[in-house]
Amino acid sequence: MIPSSLSIEFEELSSVLRMKGLKLSSAESCTGGLFSYLVTSFPGSSEYFLGSAVTYSNESKESILGVSVDTLKAHGAVSEETAKEMAAGSLKQYCSDIAVSVTGIAGPGGATEEKPIGLVCIAVTDGEKYVTSVNRFTGDRDEVRAASVQAMVRDLRCFISEVLS
């Protein structure tokens, strides 16, 4: 069941994507496919959603999306730099017009002092321009994942209205 507020946001996003004729893809880490699940919960999503790569491990980020080993070593899996490379990899993999990616720490484990639970990085790109956000969400694992998806929709809508207009 999709929360009504999130349902409205996804409906508005799908309307904008259809109206502008944009094809979307995604790359997910900490959300584990939740974004894709919610996008495809709406009839007609195949008109604008091409696919998603759930790349939970660094190895899959490298092999599927082409995230650089150097980026992962220098900045870590949870970073704006990695999120940007994940989005670029999704764009290339699916030949989409825009791509969104997410990487973060949903908890309860995996946190460090520098990268606490709830730290989530998102990137949106059309291959030329990028918009990134670094977010800090609170709550349990499910709440962090849900907030991450909501932020992905927010960043996509912002990118479409401000960058692509």
C-alpha atoms as a PDB file:
ATOM      1  CA  MET A   1       0.000   0.000   0.000  1.00  0.00           C
ATOM      2  CA  ILE A   2       1.352   3.386  -1.008  1.00  0.00           C
ATOM      3  CA  PRO A   3       0.868   6.248   1.484  1.00  0.00           C
ATOM      4  CA  SER A   4      -1.590   8.761   0.001  1.00  0.00           C
ATOM      5  CA  SER A   5       0.847  11.688   0.139  1.00  0.00           C
ATOM      6  CA  LEU A   6       3.497   9.687  -1.738  1.00  0.00           C
ATOM      7  CA  SER A   7       0.891   8.409  -4.162  1.00  0.00           C
ATOM      8  CA  ILE A   8      -0.046  11.984  -5.066  1.00  0.00           C
ATOM      9  CA  GLU A   9       3.623  12.893  -5.608  1.00  0.00           C
ATOM     10  CA  PHE A  10       4.160   9.901  -7.909  1.00  0.00           C
ATOM     11  CA  GLU A  11       0.984  10.703  -9.849  1.00  0.00           C
ATOM     12  CA  GLU A  12       2.172  14.292 -10.352  1.00  0.00           C
ATOM     13  CA  LEU A  13       5.627  13.069 -11.421  1.00  0.00           C
ATOM     14  CA  SER A  14       4.119  10.629 -13.914  1.00  0.00           C
ATOM     15  CA  SER A  15       1.944  13.386 -15.329  1.00  0.00           C
ATOM     16  CA  VAL A  16       4.954  15.660 -15.842  1.00  0.00           C
ATOM     17  CA  LEU A  17       7.016  12.881 -17.434  1.00  0.00           C
ATOM     18  CA  ARG A  18       4.183  12.049 -19.832  1.00  0.00           C
ATOM     19  CA  MET A  19       3.484  15.679 -20.672  1.00  0.00           C
ATOM     20  CA  LYS A  20       7.143  16.344 -21.481  1.00  0.00           C
ATOM     21  CA  GLY A  21       7.637  12.990 -23.212  1.00  0.00           C
ATOM     22  CA  LEU A  22      10.580  12.086 -20.971  1.00  0.00           C
ATOM     23  CA  LYS A  23      11.884   8.576 -20.402  1.00  0.00           C
ATOM     24  CA  LEU A  24      13.151   7.879 -16.875  1.00  0.00           C
ATOM     25  CA  SER A  25      15.508   5.304 -15.393  1.00  0.00           C
ATOM     26  CA  SER A  26      16.930   4.862 -11.921  1.00  0.00           C
ATOM     27  CA  ALA A  27      19.757   3.354  -9.919  1.00  0.00           C
ATOM     28  CA  GLU A  28      19.061   2.380  -6.331  1.00  0.00           C
ATOM     29  CA  SER A  29      21.199   1.265  -3.452  1.00  0.00           C
ATOM     30  CA  CYS A  30      19.766   1.943   0.021  1.00  0.00           C
ATOM     31  CA  THR A  31      16.161   1.866  -1.220  1.00  0.00           C
ATOM     32  CA  GLY A  32      16.606  -1.635  -2.635  1.00  0.00           C
ATOM     33  CA  GLY A  33      14.149  -1.126  -5.502  1.00  0.00           C
ATOM     34  CA  LEU A  34      11.456   0.699  -3.528  1.00  0.00           C
ATOM     35  CA  PHE A  35      11.476   3.644  -5.952  1.00  0.00           C
ATOM     36  CA  SER A  36      11.018   1.292  -8.916  1.00  0.00           C
ATOM     37  CA  TYR A  37       8.292  -0.603  -7.124  1.00  0.00           C
ATOM     38  CA  LEU A  38       6.367   2.593  -6.453  1.00  0.00           C
ATOM     39  CA  VAL A  39       6.856   3.999  -9.971  1.00  0.00           C
ATOM     40  CA  THR A  40       5.551   0.794 -11.506  1.00  0.00           C
ATOM     41  CA  SER A  41       2.581   0.652  -9.127  1.00  0.00           C
ATOM     42  CA  PHE A  42       0.791   3.074 -11.426  1.00  0.00           C
ATOM     43  CA  PRO A  43      -0.881   1.899 -14.627  1.00  0.00           C
ATOM     44  CA  GLY A  44       0.838   3.277 -17.716  1.00  0.00           C
ATOM     45  CA  SER A  45       4.248   3.667 -16.082  1.00  0.00           C
ATOM     46  CA  SER A  46       5.793   1.741 -18.978  1.00  0.00           C
ATOM     47  CA  GLU A  47       5.181   4.866 -21.084  1.00  0.00           C
ATOM     48  CA  TYR A  48       7.928   6.726 -19.230  1.00  0.00           C
ATOM     49  CA  PHE A  49       9.851   4.313 -16.959  1.00  0.00           C
ATOM     50  CA  LEU A  50      12.500   2.220 -18.719  1.00  0.00           C
ATOM     51  CA  GLY A  51      14.050   0.364 -15.798  1.00  0.00           C
ATOM     52  CA  SER A  52      16.242   0.406 -12.744  1.00  0.00           C
ATOM     53  CA  ALA A  53      19.417  -1.158 -11.480  1.00  0.00           C
ATOM     54  CA  VAL A  54      19.477  -2.118  -7.807  1.00  0.00           C
ATOM     55  CA  THR A  55      23.184  -1.947  -7.084  1.00  0.00           C
ATOM     56  CA  TYR A  56      23.547  -2.635  -3.409  1.00  0.00           C
ATOM     57  CA  SER A  57      27.214  -3.646  -3.403  1.00  0.00           C
ATOM     58  CA  ASN A  58      30.214  -1.650  -4.563  1.00  0.00           C
ATOM     59  CA  GLU A  59      30.972  -4.424  -7.041  1.00  0.00           C
ATOM     60  CA  SER A  60      27.575  -4.067  -8.685  1.00  0.00           C
ATOM     61  CA  LYS A  61      27.901  -0.289  -8.742  1.00  0.00           C
ATOM     62  CA  GLU A  62      31.164  -0.784 -10.654  1.00  0.00           C
ATOM     63  CA  SER A  63      30.148  -3.596 -13.001  1.00  0.00           C
ATOM     64  CA  ILE A  64      26.576  -2.578 -13.821  1.00  0.00           C
ATOM     65  CA  LEU A  65      26.704   1.214 -13.631  1.00  0.00           C
ATOM     66  CA  GLY A  66      30.377   1.895 -14.309  1.00  0.00           C
ATOM     67  CA  VAL A  67      31.041   3.677 -11.017  1.00  0.00           C
ATOM     68  CA  SER A  68      34.789   4.206 -10.781  1.00  0.00           C
ATOM     69  CA  VAL A  69      36.807   2.224  -8.247  1.00  0.00           C
ATOM     70  CA  ASP A  70      38.706   5.478  -7.609  1.00  0.00           C
ATOM     71  CA  THR A  71      35.470   7.301  -6.752  1.00  0.00           C
ATOM     72  CA  LEU A  72      34.433   4.574  -4.345  1.00  0.00           C
ATOM     73  CA  LYS A  73      37.861   4.558  -2.674  1.00  0.00           C
ATOM     74  CA  ALA A  74      38.138   8.336  -2.444  1.00  0.00           C
ATOM     75  CA  HIS A  75      34.552   9.210  -1.490  1.00  0.00           C
ATOM     76  CA  GLY A  76      32.833   5.975  -0.508  1.00  0.00           C
ATOM     77  CA  ALA A  77      29.607   4.414  -1.710  1.00  0.00           C
ATOM     78  CA  VAL A  78      27.560   7.051   0.117  1.00  0.00           C
ATOM     79  CA  SER A  79      28.630  10.291  -1.532  1.00  0.00           C
ATOM     80  CA  GLU A  80      27.460  12.831  -4.072  1.00  0.00           C
ATOM     81  CA  GLU A  81      30.229  11.681  -6.396  1.00  0.00           C
ATOM     82  CA  THR A  82      29.044   8.070  -6.338  1.00  0.00           C
ATOM     83  CA  ALA A  83      25.410   9.141  -6.726  1.00  0.00           C
ATOM     84  CA  LYS A  84      26.361  11.165  -9.821  1.00  0.00           C
ATOM     85  CA  GLU A  85      28.190   8.225 -11.385  1.00  0.00           C
ATOM     86  CA  MET A  86      25.287   5.915 -10.558  1.00  0.00           C
ATOM     87  CA  ALA A  87      22.830   8.266 -12.287  1.00  0.00           C
ATOM     88  CA  ALA A  88      25.111   8.589 -15.312  1.00  0.00           C
ATOM     89  CA  GLY A  89      25.428   4.800 -15.471  1.00  0.00           C
ATOM     90  CA  SER A  90      21.665   4.338 -15.347  1.00  0.00           C
ATOM     91  CA  LEU A  91      21.176   6.925 -18.094  1.00  0.00           C
ATOM     92  CA  LYS A  92      23.656   5.059 -20.290  1.00  0.00           C
ATOM     93  CA  GLN A  93      22.397   1.569 -19.411  1.00  0.00           C
ATOM     94  CA  TYR A  94      18.759   2.348 -20.214  1.00  0.00           C
ATOM     95  CA  CYS A  95      19.201   5.080 -22.868  1.00  0.00           C
ATOM     96  CA  SER A  96      16.807   7.274 -20.901  1.00  0.00           C
ATOM     97  CA  ASP A  97      16.331  11.043 -21.057  1.00  0.00           C
ATOM     98  CA  ILE A  98      16.827  11.490 -17.316  1.00  0.00           C
ATOM     99  CA  ALA A  99      18.010   9.266 -14.499  1.00  0.00           C
ATOM    100  CA  VAL A 100      17.825   9.432 -10.736  1.00  0.00           C
ATOM    101  CA  SER A 101      20.035   7.578  -8.279  1.00  0.00           C
ATOM    102  CA  VAL A 102      20.142   7.075  -4.540  1.00  0.00           C
ATOM    103  CA  THR A 103      22.789   5.765  -2.180  1.00  0.00           C
ATOM    104  CA  GLY A 104      22.764   5.963   1.590  1.00  0.00           C
ATOM    105  CA  ILE A 105      22.748   4.324   4.986  1.00  0.00           C
ATOM    106  CA  ALA A 106      19.304   3.107   6.012  1.00  0.00           C
ATOM    107  CA  GLY A 107      20.568   1.346   9.158  1.00  0.00           C
ATOM    108  CA  PRO A 108      20.538  -0.070  11.650  1.00  0.00           C
ATOM    109  CA  GLY A 109      24.174  -0.912  10.838  1.00  0.00           C
ATOM    110  CA  GLY A 110      26.762   0.460   8.444  1.00  0.00           C
ATOM    111  CA  ALA A 111      27.132   3.911   9.962  1.00  0.00           C
ATOM    112  CA  THR A 112      30.321   5.748  10.869  1.00  0.00           C
ATOM    113  CA  GLU A 113      30.910   9.067  12.625  1.00  0.00           C
ATOM    114  CA  GLU A 114      31.332  10.791   9.260  1.00  0.00           C
ATOM    115  CA  LYS A 115      28.442   8.922   7.659  1.00  0.00           C
ATOM    116  CA  PRO A 116      25.595   8.364  10.133  1.00  0.00           C
ATOM    117  CA  ILE A 117      22.417   6.367   9.686  1.00  0.00           C
ATOM    118  CA  GLY A 118      20.012   8.385   7.570  1.00  0.00           C
ATOM    119  CA  LEU A 119      22.685   9.960   5.355  1.00  0.00           C
ATOM    120  CA  VAL A 120      21.359   9.712   1.782  1.00  0.00           C
ATOM    121  CA  CYS A 121      22.793  11.127  -1.441  1.00  0.00           C
ATOM    122  CA  ILE A 122      20.652  11.581  -4.545  1.00  0.00           C
ATOM    123  CA  ALA A 123      21.584  12.628  -8.075  1.00  0.00           C
ATOM    124  CA  VAL A 124      19.508  13.456 -11.131  1.00  0.00           C
ATOM    125  CA  THR A 125      20.999  13.928 -14.598  1.00  0.00           C
ATOM    126  CA  ASP A 126      20.172  14.287 -18.240  1.00  0.00           C
ATOM    127  CA  GLY A 127      23.758  13.497 -19.180  1.00  0.00           C
ATOM    128  CA  GLU A 128      24.848  17.124 -19.294  1.00  0.00           C
ATOM    129  CA  LYS A 129      23.533  18.683 -16.121  1.00  0.00           C
ATOM    130  CA  TYR A 130      23.391  17.254 -12.633  1.00  0.00           C
ATOM    131  CA  VAL A 131      21.453  18.107  -9.521  1.00  0.00           C
ATOM    132  CA  THR A 132      22.540  16.422  -6.310  1.00  0.00           C
ATOM    133  CA  SER A 133      21.302  16.515  -2.750  1.00  0.00           C
ATOM    134  CA  VAL A 134      22.718  15.298   0.527  1.00  0.00           C
ATOM    135  CA  ASN A 135      19.989  14.456   3.000  1.00  0.00           C
ATOM    136  CA  ARG A 136      19.839  13.371   6.619  1.00  0.00           C
ATOM    137  CA  PHE A 137      16.711  11.430   7.483  1.00  0.00           C
ATOM    138  CA  THR A 138      15.668  10.111  10.868  1.00  0.00           C
ATOM    139  CA  GLY A 139      13.697   7.054  11.833  1.00  0.00           C
ATOM    140  CA  ASP A 140      14.031   3.336  11.407  1.00  0.00           C
ATOM    141  CA  ARG A 141      15.176   1.559   8.257  1.00  0.00           C
ATOM    142  CA  ASP A 142      11.765   1.658   6.565  1.00  0.00           C
ATOM    143  CA  GLU A 143      11.281   5.336   7.399  1.00  0.00           C
ATOM    144  CA  VAL A 144      14.702   6.251   5.980  1.00  0.00           C
ATOM    145  CA  ARG A 145      13.968   4.299   2.807  1.00  0.00           C
ATOM    146  CA  ALA A 146      10.534   5.926   2.405  1.00  0.00           C
ATOM    147  CA  ALA A 147      11.974   9.408   3.000  1.00  0.00           C
ATOM    148  CA  SER A 148      14.693   8.656   0.451  1.00  0.00           C
ATOM    149  CA  VAL A 149      12.122   7.769  -2.207  1.00  0.00           C
ATOM    150  CA  GLN A 150      10.145  10.909  -1.423  1.00  0.00           C
ATOM    151  CA  ALA A 151      13.340  12.965  -1.821  1.00  0.00           C
ATOM    152  CA  MET A 152      14.060  11.252  -5.146  1.00  0.00           C
ATOM    153  CA  VAL A 153      10.658  12.371  -6.431  1.00  0.00           C
ATOM    154  CA  ARG A 154      11.264  15.884  -5.067  1.00  0.00           C
ATOM    155  CA  ASP A 155      14.660  16.121  -6.784  1.00  0.00           C
ATOM    156  CA  LEU A 156      13.292  14.759 -10.058  1.00  0.00           C
ATOM    157  CA  ARG A 157      10.467  17.276 -10.116  1.00  0.00           C
ATOM    158  CA  CYS A 158      12.909  20.078  -9.271  1.00  0.00           C
ATOM    159  CA  PHE A 159      15.300  18.980 -12.043  1.00  0.00           C
ATOM    160  CA  ILE A 160      12.501  18.788 -14.612  1.00  0.00           C
ATOM    161  CA  SER A 161      10.987  22.160 -13.698  1.00  0.00           C
ATOM    162  CA  GLU A 162      14.177  24.136 -13.093  1.00  0.00           C
ATOM    163  CA  VAL A 163      16.859  22.534 -15.269  1.00  0.00           C
ATOM    164  CA  LEU A 164      14.904  21.196 -18.235  1.00  0.00           C
ATOM    165  CA  SER A 165      12.531  24.151 -18.627  1.00  0.00           C
END
